[in-house]
Every structure is written in C-alpha cells, then in structure tokens.
Amino acid sequence: MKLWLSSFVILLFISPAGFASSRSQRAHGASLFNASGCSHCHTIRNAGGHKGPDLSGVGRRMKKGQIRKQIVEGSKRMPPFGDDLKDADLADLISYLRSCRDKKKM
C-alpha cells in the first residue's frame, strides 16, 4: 500500500512538469519553424508559403521518425537541414510539427 501511494505521489509531481516541458518544447519548435525559414515554403493553419506542402495536419499523417528524416535528409524539392539544427532544436521542431494535427479540409 505504501509503495502504491508513494508511486502515485511521485507521478502527480512529475506529470505536470512533463506536460509543461512538452508545451515549452512545442512553443520553441514553433518559433524555430518561423525563425529557420520553414514558413517561407510551408503553410500551417493558413499562415506561410505555398512552395512546399501544407503542414497543418502533418502530425496526424507522419510519425516522428518520418518527420525527422524529412527535415534531416530533405527530398527532391526540400533541402536537408540536418547540419543546420542542433539535436535539441530538431527535437523541439519535431514536437511542434507532431502537434499539428488539423484535419484535411475538403
């Protein structure tokens, strides 16, 4: 019983900190998206460029590893950004993009 109660109390203190941390990661990722020039080519929620695909629902369509690979390696039309981003910045950018889960408009 004491072990269960101790675990519960620890979980209560850790959970809000984890949520706040992920919220700040997403906020930092959003600022990186704009500061790094991603918004020149990509649109999110009707803001940004139209050279690349609309990323409003990318978090629903792609897994974390797929997003990471796309950013790091690029593609035919998108240059690679693996050398331009620190690991922590890349993780925050991915966290932000994963939070973009808008439904596709018809």
N, C-alpha and C. Protein backbone atom coordinates (compact mmCIF):
# COMPACT_ATOMS: atom_id res chain seq x y z
N MET A 1 0.82 -1.19 0.00
CA MET A 1 0.00 0.00 0.00
C MET A 1 0.87 1.27 0.00
N LYS A 2 1.91 1.27 0.82
CA LYS A 2 2.78 2.44 0.88
C LYS A 2 3.50 2.65 -0.44
N LEU A 3 3.90 1.57 -1.09
CA LEU A 3 4.59 1.66 -2.38
C LEU A 3 3.66 2.27 -3.42
N TRP A 4 2.43 1.84 -3.43
CA TRP A 4 1.46 2.37 -4.37
C TRP A 4 1.24 3.86 -4.13
N LEU A 5 1.07 4.23 -2.90
CA LEU A 5 0.84 5.62 -2.54
C LEU A 5 2.05 6.49 -2.90
N SER A 6 3.24 5.99 -2.63
CA SER A 6 4.46 6.72 -2.99
C SER A 6 4.56 6.91 -4.49
N SER A 7 4.26 5.88 -5.23
CA SER A 7 4.31 5.96 -6.70
C SER A 7 3.31 6.96 -7.22
N PHE A 8 2.12 6.97 -6.62
CA PHE A 8 1.08 7.90 -7.03
C PHE A 8 1.50 9.35 -6.79
N VAL A 9 2.06 9.61 -5.64
CA VAL A 9 2.51 10.97 -5.29
C VAL A 9 3.62 11.43 -6.23
N ILE A 10 4.56 10.57 -6.51
CA ILE A 10 5.65 10.90 -7.44
C ILE A 10 5.09 11.20 -8.82
N LEU A 11 4.15 10.39 -9.25
CA LEU A 11 3.54 10.58 -10.56
C LEU A 11 2.81 11.92 -10.65
N LEU A 12 2.16 12.33 -9.57
CA LEU A 12 1.48 13.62 -9.55
C LEU A 12 2.44 14.78 -9.74
N PHE A 13 3.61 14.69 -9.17
CA PHE A 13 4.58 15.77 -9.29
C PHE A 13 5.30 15.77 -10.63
N ILE A 14 5.50 14.61 -11.20
CA ILE A 14 6.22 14.51 -12.46
C ILE A 14 5.34 14.88 -13.65
N SER A 15 4.09 14.48 -13.65
CA SER A 15 3.20 14.69 -14.79
C SER A 15 3.06 16.15 -15.19
N PRO A 16 2.75 17.09 -14.30
CA PRO A 16 2.65 18.49 -14.73
C PRO A 16 3.95 19.03 -15.28
N ALA A 17 5.07 18.61 -14.70
CA ALA A 17 6.37 19.08 -15.19
C ALA A 17 6.60 18.57 -16.61
N GLY A 18 6.24 17.32 -16.87
CA GLY A 18 6.39 16.75 -18.21
C GLY A 18 5.51 17.45 -19.21
N PHE A 19 4.28 17.77 -18.81
CA PHE A 19 3.36 18.47 -19.70
C PHE A 19 3.88 19.87 -20.00
N ALA A 20 4.33 20.57 -18.97
CA ALA A 20 4.86 21.92 -19.16
C ALA A 20 6.09 21.89 -20.05
N SER A 21 6.92 20.87 -19.86
CA SER A 21 8.12 20.74 -20.67
C SER A 21 7.76 20.53 -22.14
N SER A 22 6.79 19.65 -22.41
CA SER A 22 6.43 19.40 -23.80
C SER A 22 5.76 20.63 -24.42
N ARG A 23 5.03 21.39 -23.60
CA ARG A 23 4.42 22.62 -24.10
C ARG A 23 5.50 23.63 -24.47
N SER A 24 6.53 23.74 -23.65
CA SER A 24 7.61 24.69 -23.97
C SER A 24 8.42 24.19 -25.16
N GLN A 25 8.55 22.87 -25.31
CA GLN A 25 9.23 22.33 -26.49
C GLN A 25 8.46 22.69 -27.76
N ARG A 26 7.15 22.52 -27.71
CA ARG A 26 6.32 22.86 -28.88
C ARG A 26 6.41 24.35 -29.20
N ALA A 27 6.40 25.18 -28.17
CA ALA A 27 6.49 26.64 -28.38
C ALA A 27 7.84 27.00 -29.00
N HIS A 28 8.90 26.39 -28.49
CA HIS A 28 10.24 26.63 -29.05
C HIS A 28 10.30 26.13 -30.49
N GLY A 29 9.70 24.96 -30.74
CA GLY A 29 9.66 24.41 -32.09
C GLY A 29 8.91 25.32 -33.05
N ALA A 30 7.82 25.93 -32.58
CA ALA A 30 7.06 26.86 -33.42
C ALA A 30 7.90 28.09 -33.77
N SER A 31 8.64 28.59 -32.79
CA SER A 31 9.49 29.75 -33.07
C SER A 31 10.63 29.37 -34.02
N LEU A 32 11.15 28.16 -33.88
CA LEU A 32 12.19 27.68 -34.81
C LEU A 32 11.65 27.54 -36.22
N PHE A 33 10.41 27.06 -36.32
CA PHE A 33 9.77 26.90 -37.63
C PHE A 33 9.77 28.23 -38.37
N ASN A 34 9.44 29.29 -37.67
CA ASN A 34 9.41 30.61 -38.30
C ASN A 34 10.81 31.20 -38.47
N ALA A 35 11.65 31.09 -37.44
CA ALA A 35 12.99 31.67 -37.49
C ALA A 35 13.90 30.98 -38.49
N SER A 36 13.70 29.69 -38.70
CA SER A 36 14.56 28.92 -39.62
C SER A 36 14.12 29.05 -41.07
N GLY A 37 13.04 29.73 -41.31
CA GLY A 37 12.59 29.93 -42.68
C GLY A 37 11.64 28.87 -43.20
N CYS A 38 11.22 27.94 -42.37
CA CYS A 38 10.30 26.88 -42.81
C CYS A 38 9.00 27.48 -43.35
N SER A 39 8.57 28.58 -42.71
CA SER A 39 7.30 29.20 -43.09
C SER A 39 7.38 29.92 -44.45
N HIS A 40 8.58 30.06 -45.01
CA HIS A 40 8.68 30.64 -46.35
C HIS A 40 8.12 29.68 -47.39
N CYS A 41 8.23 28.38 -47.13
CA CYS A 41 7.78 27.38 -48.09
C CYS A 41 6.54 26.63 -47.63
N HIS A 42 6.35 26.48 -46.33
CA HIS A 42 5.26 25.67 -45.80
C HIS A 42 4.21 26.50 -45.08
N THR A 43 2.97 26.08 -45.22
CA THR A 43 1.84 26.70 -44.56
C THR A 43 1.43 25.85 -43.37
N ILE A 44 1.10 26.49 -42.27
CA ILE A 44 0.45 25.83 -41.15
C ILE A 44 -0.70 26.73 -40.73
N ARG A 45 -1.89 26.19 -40.76
CA ARG A 45 -3.11 26.92 -40.37
C ARG A 45 -3.22 28.26 -41.12
N ASN A 46 -3.12 28.18 -42.42
CA ASN A 46 -3.30 29.33 -43.32
C ASN A 46 -2.24 30.42 -43.18
N ALA A 47 -1.10 30.12 -42.58
CA ALA A 47 -0.02 31.09 -42.48
C ALA A 47 1.25 30.48 -43.04
N GLY A 48 1.89 31.18 -43.96
CA GLY A 48 3.14 30.69 -44.51
C GLY A 48 3.11 30.64 -46.03
N GLY A 49 4.14 30.04 -46.58
CA GLY A 49 4.31 29.96 -48.03
C GLY A 49 3.61 28.78 -48.65
N HIS A 50 3.69 28.71 -49.97
CA HIS A 50 2.97 27.67 -50.71
C HIS A 50 3.88 26.86 -51.64
N LYS A 51 5.20 27.01 -51.50
CA LYS A 51 6.12 26.23 -52.33
C LYS A 51 6.10 24.76 -51.93
N GLY A 52 6.06 24.52 -50.61
CA GLY A 52 6.03 23.16 -50.09
C GLY A 52 4.64 22.79 -49.63
N PRO A 53 4.48 21.56 -49.17
CA PRO A 53 3.16 21.11 -48.73
C PRO A 53 2.68 21.83 -47.47
N ASP A 54 1.36 21.89 -47.33
CA ASP A 54 0.71 22.42 -46.13
C ASP A 54 0.97 21.43 -45.00
N LEU A 55 1.52 21.90 -43.90
CA LEU A 55 1.87 21.03 -42.78
C LEU A 55 0.86 21.09 -41.64
N SER A 56 -0.32 21.62 -41.89
CA SER A 56 -1.32 21.75 -40.83
C SER A 56 -1.70 20.41 -40.21
N GLY A 57 -1.67 19.34 -40.96
CA GLY A 57 -2.04 18.03 -40.44
C GLY A 57 -0.90 17.04 -40.43
N VAL A 58 0.34 17.52 -40.50
CA VAL A 58 1.49 16.62 -40.60
C VAL A 58 1.62 15.69 -39.39
N GLY A 59 1.23 16.16 -38.22
CA GLY A 59 1.32 15.34 -37.02
C GLY A 59 0.35 14.17 -37.03
N ARG A 60 -0.69 14.27 -37.83
CA ARG A 60 -1.65 13.19 -37.98
C ARG A 60 -1.19 12.21 -39.07
N ARG A 61 -0.50 12.71 -40.05
CA ARG A 61 -0.10 11.90 -41.21
C ARG A 61 1.23 11.18 -41.06
N MET A 62 2.18 11.80 -40.35
CA MET A 62 3.53 11.26 -40.29
C MET A 62 3.96 10.96 -38.86
N LYS A 63 4.77 9.94 -38.73
CA LYS A 63 5.33 9.59 -37.42
C LYS A 63 6.58 10.44 -37.17
N LYS A 64 7.00 10.44 -35.92
CA LYS A 64 8.15 11.24 -35.51
C LYS A 64 9.39 10.94 -36.36
N GLY A 65 9.67 9.68 -36.58
CA GLY A 65 10.84 9.29 -37.37
C GLY A 65 10.77 9.76 -38.81
N GLN A 66 9.57 9.75 -39.37
CA GLN A 66 9.39 10.21 -40.75
C GLN A 66 9.63 11.72 -40.86
N ILE A 67 9.12 12.44 -39.88
CA ILE A 67 9.32 13.90 -39.89
C ILE A 67 10.81 14.22 -39.73
N ARG A 68 11.44 13.51 -38.81
CA ARG A 68 12.88 13.72 -38.57
C ARG A 68 13.68 13.47 -39.85
N LYS A 69 13.41 12.36 -40.51
CA LYS A 69 14.13 12.01 -41.73
C LYS A 69 13.93 13.08 -42.81
N GLN A 70 12.71 13.57 -42.95
CA GLN A 70 12.41 14.59 -43.95
C GLN A 70 13.21 15.87 -43.68
N ILE A 71 13.26 16.27 -42.42
CA ILE A 71 13.98 17.50 -42.08
C ILE A 71 15.48 17.31 -42.26
N VAL A 72 16.01 16.22 -41.76
CA VAL A 72 17.45 15.98 -41.78
C VAL A 72 17.98 15.72 -43.18
N GLU A 73 17.27 14.87 -43.94
CA GLU A 73 17.76 14.46 -45.26
C GLU A 73 17.21 15.28 -46.42
N GLY A 74 16.05 15.93 -46.19
CA GLY A 74 15.42 16.66 -47.27
C GLY A 74 14.78 15.71 -48.26
N SER A 75 14.47 16.22 -49.44
CA SER A 75 13.89 15.41 -50.52
C SER A 75 14.23 16.08 -51.85
N LYS A 76 13.55 15.68 -52.89
CA LYS A 76 13.84 16.25 -54.21
C LYS A 76 13.72 17.77 -54.22
N ARG A 77 12.67 18.30 -53.58
CA ARG A 77 12.41 19.73 -53.62
C ARG A 77 12.79 20.46 -52.34
N MET A 78 13.03 19.71 -51.26
CA MET A 78 13.35 20.33 -49.98
C MET A 78 14.82 20.07 -49.64
N PRO A 79 15.57 21.11 -49.33
CA PRO A 79 16.97 20.90 -48.96
C PRO A 79 17.08 20.24 -47.58
N PRO A 80 18.18 19.54 -47.32
CA PRO A 80 18.38 18.94 -45.99
C PRO A 80 18.75 20.01 -44.97
N PHE A 81 18.25 19.84 -43.75
CA PHE A 81 18.55 20.79 -42.68
C PHE A 81 19.23 20.12 -41.49
N GLY A 82 19.70 18.89 -41.67
CA GLY A 82 20.34 18.16 -40.60
C GLY A 82 21.57 18.84 -40.03
N ASP A 83 22.34 19.50 -40.88
CA ASP A 83 23.55 20.18 -40.42
C ASP A 83 23.27 21.56 -39.82
N ASP A 84 22.06 22.06 -40.05
CA ASP A 84 21.72 23.42 -39.60
C ASP A 84 21.07 23.46 -38.22
N LEU A 85 20.59 22.32 -37.74
CA LEU A 85 19.86 22.29 -36.47
C LEU A 85 20.58 21.46 -35.42
N LYS A 86 20.62 21.97 -34.20
CA LYS A 86 21.14 21.19 -33.08
C LYS A 86 20.13 20.11 -32.75
N ASP A 87 20.57 19.03 -32.11
CA ASP A 87 19.67 17.92 -31.77
C ASP A 87 18.48 18.37 -30.94
N ALA A 88 18.70 19.23 -29.96
CA ALA A 88 17.61 19.71 -29.11
C ALA A 88 16.63 20.56 -29.91
N ASP A 89 17.13 21.38 -30.81
CA ASP A 89 16.26 22.20 -31.65
C ASP A 89 15.45 21.32 -32.60
N LEU A 90 16.09 20.32 -33.16
CA LEU A 90 15.40 19.39 -34.05
C LEU A 90 14.29 18.67 -33.30
N ALA A 91 14.57 18.23 -32.08
CA ALA A 91 13.55 17.55 -31.27
C ALA A 91 12.37 18.48 -30.98
N ASP A 92 12.64 19.74 -30.70
CA ASP A 92 11.57 20.70 -30.42
C ASP A 92 10.75 21.00 -31.68
N LEU A 93 11.42 21.10 -32.81
CA LEU A 93 10.74 21.33 -34.07
C LEU A 93 9.82 20.14 -34.40
N ILE A 94 10.32 18.94 -34.19
CA ILE A 94 9.51 17.74 -34.42
C ILE A 94 8.33 17.71 -33.46
N SER A 95 8.55 18.07 -32.21
CA SER A 95 7.48 18.13 -31.22
C SER A 95 6.38 19.09 -31.69
N TYR A 96 6.77 20.23 -32.19
CA TYR A 96 5.81 21.19 -32.71
C TYR A 96 5.05 20.62 -33.91
N LEU A 97 5.78 20.07 -34.86
CA LEU A 97 5.13 19.54 -36.06
C LEU A 97 4.20 18.37 -35.72
N ARG A 98 4.59 17.56 -34.74
CA ARG A 98 3.71 16.46 -34.31
C ARG A 98 2.43 16.99 -33.68
N SER A 99 2.47 18.19 -33.14
CA SER A 99 1.27 18.78 -32.53
C SER A 99 0.33 19.36 -33.59
N CYS A 100 0.79 19.46 -34.82
CA CYS A 100 -0.05 19.97 -35.91
C CYS A 100 -0.89 18.82 -36.44
N ARG A 101 -2.12 18.76 -35.98
CA ARG A 101 -2.98 17.61 -36.30
C ARG A 101 -4.32 18.04 -36.90
N ASP A 102 -4.36 19.19 -37.56
CA ASP A 102 -5.61 19.64 -38.17
C ASP A 102 -6.09 18.61 -39.18
N LYS A 103 -7.40 18.50 -39.29
CA LYS A 103 -7.98 17.60 -40.27
C LYS A 103 -7.88 18.21 -41.65
N LYS A 104 -7.78 17.34 -42.64
CA LYS A 104 -7.67 17.81 -44.01
C LYS A 104 -8.99 18.46 -44.43
N LYS A 105 -8.87 19.63 -45.03
CA LYS A 105 -10.07 20.36 -45.47
C LYS A 105 -10.56 19.79 -46.79
N MET A 106 -11.84 19.74 -46.94
CA MET A 106 -12.42 19.19 -48.17
C MET A 106 -13.01 20.26 -49.02
